[in-house]
Amino acid sequence: MSDAVTYEIRIQGRLGDRWAAWFDGMEIVATDDGTTLIRGRIADQAALHGLIQKVRDLGLPLLSVTRTDTPTPTGPTS
């Protein structure tokens, strides 16, 4: 997963840690403002869209999707 980057998906409402397996081992963080962050490394755009579909399937309001780092270059730069 050398091209993997970290994303934070913020949803309205609370999810417990037990949902981590459903979200492919992502970290589940309940925040003080009543939202939940689903955070972790995502391999590519297809995997990101799959996680967003899981949020949709649960009927949870999606508040934001934030990329928090950049991928590591895999080849020489010119």
N, C-alpha and C. Protein backbone atom coordinates (compact mmCIF):
# COMPACT_ATOMS: atom_id res chain seq x y z
N MET A 1 0.83 -1.19 0.00
CA MET A 1 0.00 0.00 0.00
C MET A 1 0.88 1.25 0.00
N SER A 2 1.84 1.31 -0.87
CA SER A 2 2.74 2.46 -0.87
C SER A 2 2.03 3.74 -1.30
N ASP A 3 0.96 3.63 -2.06
CA ASP A 3 0.21 4.82 -2.48
C ASP A 3 -0.91 5.16 -1.50
N ALA A 4 -1.03 4.40 -0.43
CA ALA A 4 -2.10 4.63 0.53
C ALA A 4 -1.92 5.98 1.21
N VAL A 5 -3.04 6.63 1.47
CA VAL A 5 -3.04 7.89 2.19
C VAL A 5 -4.05 7.79 3.33
N THR A 6 -3.92 8.69 4.27
CA THR A 6 -4.83 8.70 5.42
C THR A 6 -6.01 9.61 5.13
N TYR A 7 -7.20 9.11 5.44
CA TYR A 7 -8.43 9.87 5.29
C TYR A 7 -9.16 9.89 6.61
N GLU A 8 -9.93 10.95 6.82
CA GLU A 8 -10.88 11.03 7.92
C GLU A 8 -12.26 11.23 7.32
N ILE A 9 -13.15 10.33 7.64
CA ILE A 9 -14.54 10.41 7.21
C ILE A 9 -15.36 10.77 8.45
N ARG A 10 -16.00 11.93 8.42
CA ARG A 10 -16.80 12.37 9.58
C ARG A 10 -18.28 12.13 9.27
N ILE A 11 -18.95 11.48 10.24
CA ILE A 11 -20.38 11.21 10.11
C ILE A 11 -21.11 11.80 11.31
N GLN A 12 -22.38 12.08 11.11
CA GLN A 12 -23.24 12.54 12.21
C GLN A 12 -23.64 11.34 13.03
N GLY A 13 -23.57 11.45 14.34
CA GLY A 13 -23.96 10.36 15.22
C GLY A 13 -22.75 9.62 15.76
N ARG A 14 -23.04 8.62 16.56
CA ARG A 14 -21.98 7.87 17.25
C ARG A 14 -21.93 6.43 16.76
N LEU A 15 -20.73 5.96 16.52
CA LEU A 15 -20.48 4.55 16.25
C LEU A 15 -19.50 4.05 17.30
N GLY A 16 -19.69 2.85 17.77
CA GLY A 16 -18.77 2.26 18.73
C GLY A 16 -17.59 1.62 18.03
N ASP A 17 -16.57 1.27 18.82
CA ASP A 17 -15.37 0.63 18.29
C ASP A 17 -15.67 -0.67 17.56
N ARG A 18 -16.75 -1.33 17.91
CA ARG A 18 -17.06 -2.62 17.28
C ARG A 18 -17.29 -2.50 15.78
N TRP A 19 -17.53 -1.29 15.29
CA TRP A 19 -17.75 -1.07 13.86
C TRP A 19 -16.45 -1.05 13.07
N ALA A 20 -15.30 -1.10 13.73
CA ALA A 20 -14.01 -1.04 13.03
C ALA A 20 -13.89 -2.17 12.00
N ALA A 21 -14.34 -3.36 12.33
CA ALA A 21 -14.26 -4.48 11.38
C ALA A 21 -15.12 -4.20 10.14
N TRP A 22 -16.30 -3.65 10.32
CA TRP A 22 -17.19 -3.30 9.21
C TRP A 22 -16.52 -2.30 8.26
N PHE A 23 -15.72 -1.40 8.85
CA PHE A 23 -15.03 -0.38 8.06
C PHE A 23 -13.57 -0.77 7.82
N ASP A 24 -13.34 -2.04 7.55
CA ASP A 24 -12.03 -2.56 7.13
C ASP A 24 -10.89 -2.22 8.08
N GLY A 25 -11.16 -2.26 9.39
CA GLY A 25 -10.13 -2.04 10.37
C GLY A 25 -9.76 -0.58 10.61
N MET A 26 -10.57 0.33 10.09
CA MET A 26 -10.32 1.76 10.31
C MET A 26 -10.52 2.08 11.79
N GLU A 27 -9.88 3.15 12.25
CA GLU A 27 -10.05 3.63 13.62
C GLU A 27 -11.38 4.37 13.73
N ILE A 28 -12.15 4.07 14.76
CA ILE A 28 -13.43 4.73 14.99
C ILE A 28 -13.27 5.63 16.22
N VAL A 29 -13.49 6.94 16.05
CA VAL A 29 -13.29 7.89 17.14
C VAL A 29 -14.57 8.69 17.35
N ALA A 30 -15.20 8.52 18.51
CA ALA A 30 -16.37 9.33 18.87
C ALA A 30 -15.86 10.67 19.39
N THR A 31 -16.40 11.76 18.87
CA THR A 31 -15.95 13.09 19.27
C THR A 31 -16.96 13.75 20.21
N ASP A 32 -16.52 14.80 20.88
CA ASP A 32 -17.37 15.49 21.85
C ASP A 32 -18.56 16.20 21.22
N ASP A 33 -18.50 16.48 19.92
CA ASP A 33 -19.58 17.21 19.27
C ASP A 33 -20.69 16.31 18.73
N GLY A 34 -20.66 15.03 19.09
CA GLY A 34 -21.72 14.12 18.66
C GLY A 34 -21.49 13.49 17.30
N THR A 35 -20.30 13.67 16.75
CA THR A 35 -19.97 13.05 15.47
C THR A 35 -18.96 11.93 15.69
N THR A 36 -18.73 11.17 14.63
CA THR A 36 -17.75 10.09 14.67
C THR A 36 -16.78 10.26 13.52
N LEU A 37 -15.49 10.07 13.81
CA LEU A 37 -14.46 10.04 12.77
C LEU A 37 -14.12 8.60 12.47
N ILE A 38 -14.09 8.28 11.20
CA ILE A 38 -13.61 6.98 10.74
C ILE A 38 -12.29 7.32 10.05
N ARG A 39 -11.18 6.87 10.64
CA ARG A 39 -9.87 7.35 10.21
C ARG A 39 -8.93 6.18 9.95
N GLY A 40 -8.13 6.33 8.88
CA GLY A 40 -7.11 5.31 8.60
C GLY A 40 -6.56 5.42 7.20
N ARG A 41 -5.64 4.51 6.91
CA ARG A 41 -4.99 4.46 5.60
C ARG A 41 -5.91 3.78 4.61
N ILE A 42 -6.04 4.36 3.45
CA ILE A 42 -6.89 3.82 2.40
C ILE A 42 -6.03 3.64 1.15
N ALA A 43 -6.10 2.45 0.57
CA ALA A 43 -5.21 2.06 -0.52
C ALA A 43 -5.38 2.89 -1.78
N ASP A 44 -6.63 3.16 -2.15
CA ASP A 44 -6.87 3.86 -3.41
C ASP A 44 -8.30 4.43 -3.43
N GLN A 45 -8.64 5.07 -4.53
CA GLN A 45 -9.95 5.70 -4.64
C GLN A 45 -11.09 4.68 -4.61
N ALA A 46 -10.87 3.51 -5.17
CA ALA A 46 -11.91 2.47 -5.13
C ALA A 46 -12.22 2.07 -3.69
N ALA A 47 -11.19 1.92 -2.87
CA ALA A 47 -11.40 1.57 -1.46
C ALA A 47 -12.11 2.70 -0.73
N LEU A 48 -11.76 3.94 -1.04
CA LEU A 48 -12.42 5.09 -0.43
C LEU A 48 -13.91 5.10 -0.76
N HIS A 49 -14.23 4.88 -2.02
CA HIS A 49 -15.64 4.86 -2.42
C HIS A 49 -16.38 3.71 -1.75
N GLY A 50 -15.70 2.57 -1.55
CA GLY A 50 -16.32 1.45 -0.85
C GLY A 50 -16.67 1.81 0.59
N LEU A 51 -15.79 2.53 1.27
CA LEU A 51 -16.08 2.95 2.65
C LEU A 51 -17.23 3.95 2.68
N ILE A 52 -17.26 4.86 1.73
CA ILE A 52 -18.36 5.83 1.67
C ILE A 52 -19.69 5.12 1.42
N GLN A 53 -19.66 4.08 0.59
CA GLN A 53 -20.88 3.30 0.36
C GLN A 53 -21.35 2.60 1.64
N LYS A 54 -20.42 2.17 2.47
CA LYS A 54 -20.80 1.54 3.74
C LYS A 54 -21.49 2.55 4.66
N VAL A 55 -21.00 3.79 4.66
CA VAL A 55 -21.66 4.84 5.43
C VAL A 55 -23.09 5.02 4.92
N ARG A 56 -23.23 5.07 3.61
CA ARG A 56 -24.56 5.21 3.00
C ARG A 56 -25.46 4.04 3.36
N ASP A 57 -24.92 2.82 3.31
CA ASP A 57 -25.71 1.63 3.61
C ASP A 57 -26.23 1.62 5.04
N LEU A 58 -25.49 2.26 5.95
CA LEU A 58 -25.95 2.35 7.35
C LEU A 58 -26.94 3.50 7.55
N GLY A 59 -27.13 4.32 6.53
CA GLY A 59 -28.06 5.43 6.63
C GLY A 59 -27.54 6.57 7.49
N LEU A 60 -26.22 6.68 7.60
CA LEU A 60 -25.62 7.72 8.44
C LEU A 60 -25.33 8.97 7.60
N PRO A 61 -25.64 10.16 8.13
CA PRO A 61 -25.34 11.39 7.39
C PRO A 61 -23.83 11.61 7.30
N LEU A 62 -23.33 11.70 6.07
CA LEU A 62 -21.92 11.97 5.80
C LEU A 62 -21.68 13.46 5.91
N LEU A 63 -20.76 13.88 6.78
CA LEU A 63 -20.48 15.29 6.96
C LEU A 63 -19.26 15.75 6.17
N SER A 64 -18.21 14.92 6.14
CA SER A 64 -17.01 15.32 5.39
C SER A 64 -16.11 14.13 5.13
N VAL A 65 -15.29 14.28 4.09
CA VAL A 65 -14.23 13.34 3.78
C VAL A 65 -12.98 14.18 3.58
N THR A 66 -11.95 13.95 4.42
CA THR A 66 -10.76 14.77 4.38
C THR A 66 -9.52 13.91 4.21
N ARG A 67 -8.73 14.25 3.21
CA ARG A 67 -7.43 13.60 3.02
C ARG A 67 -6.44 14.32 3.93
N THR A 68 -5.76 13.57 4.79
CA THR A 68 -4.90 14.20 5.79
C THR A 68 -3.41 14.06 5.52
N ASP A 69 -3.03 13.33 4.49
CA ASP A 69 -1.63 13.30 4.08
C ASP A 69 -1.54 13.03 2.59
N THR A 70 -0.36 13.07 2.06
CA THR A 70 -0.15 12.85 0.64
C THR A 70 0.54 11.52 0.43
N PRO A 71 0.34 10.90 -0.73
CA PRO A 71 0.98 9.61 -0.98
C PRO A 71 2.49 9.75 -1.09
N THR A 72 3.16 8.66 -0.78
CA THR A 72 4.61 8.61 -0.95
C THR A 72 4.93 8.33 -2.40
N PRO A 73 5.83 9.12 -3.01
CA PRO A 73 6.19 8.83 -4.41
C PRO A 73 6.77 7.44 -4.54
N THR A 74 6.40 6.75 -5.62
CA THR A 74 6.87 5.38 -5.82
C THR A 74 7.94 5.29 -6.89
N GLY A 75 8.19 6.33 -7.61
CA GLY A 75 9.18 6.29 -8.67
C GLY A 75 10.00 7.55 -8.70
N PRO A 76 10.96 7.61 -9.62
CA PRO A 76 11.80 8.81 -9.71
C PRO A 76 11.00 10.01 -10.20
N THR A 77 11.39 11.17 -9.73
CA THR A 77 10.74 12.41 -10.19
C THR A 77 11.62 13.05 -11.24
N SER A 78 10.98 13.76 -12.15
CA SER A 78 11.77 14.43 -13.19
C SER A 78 11.40 15.88 -13.30
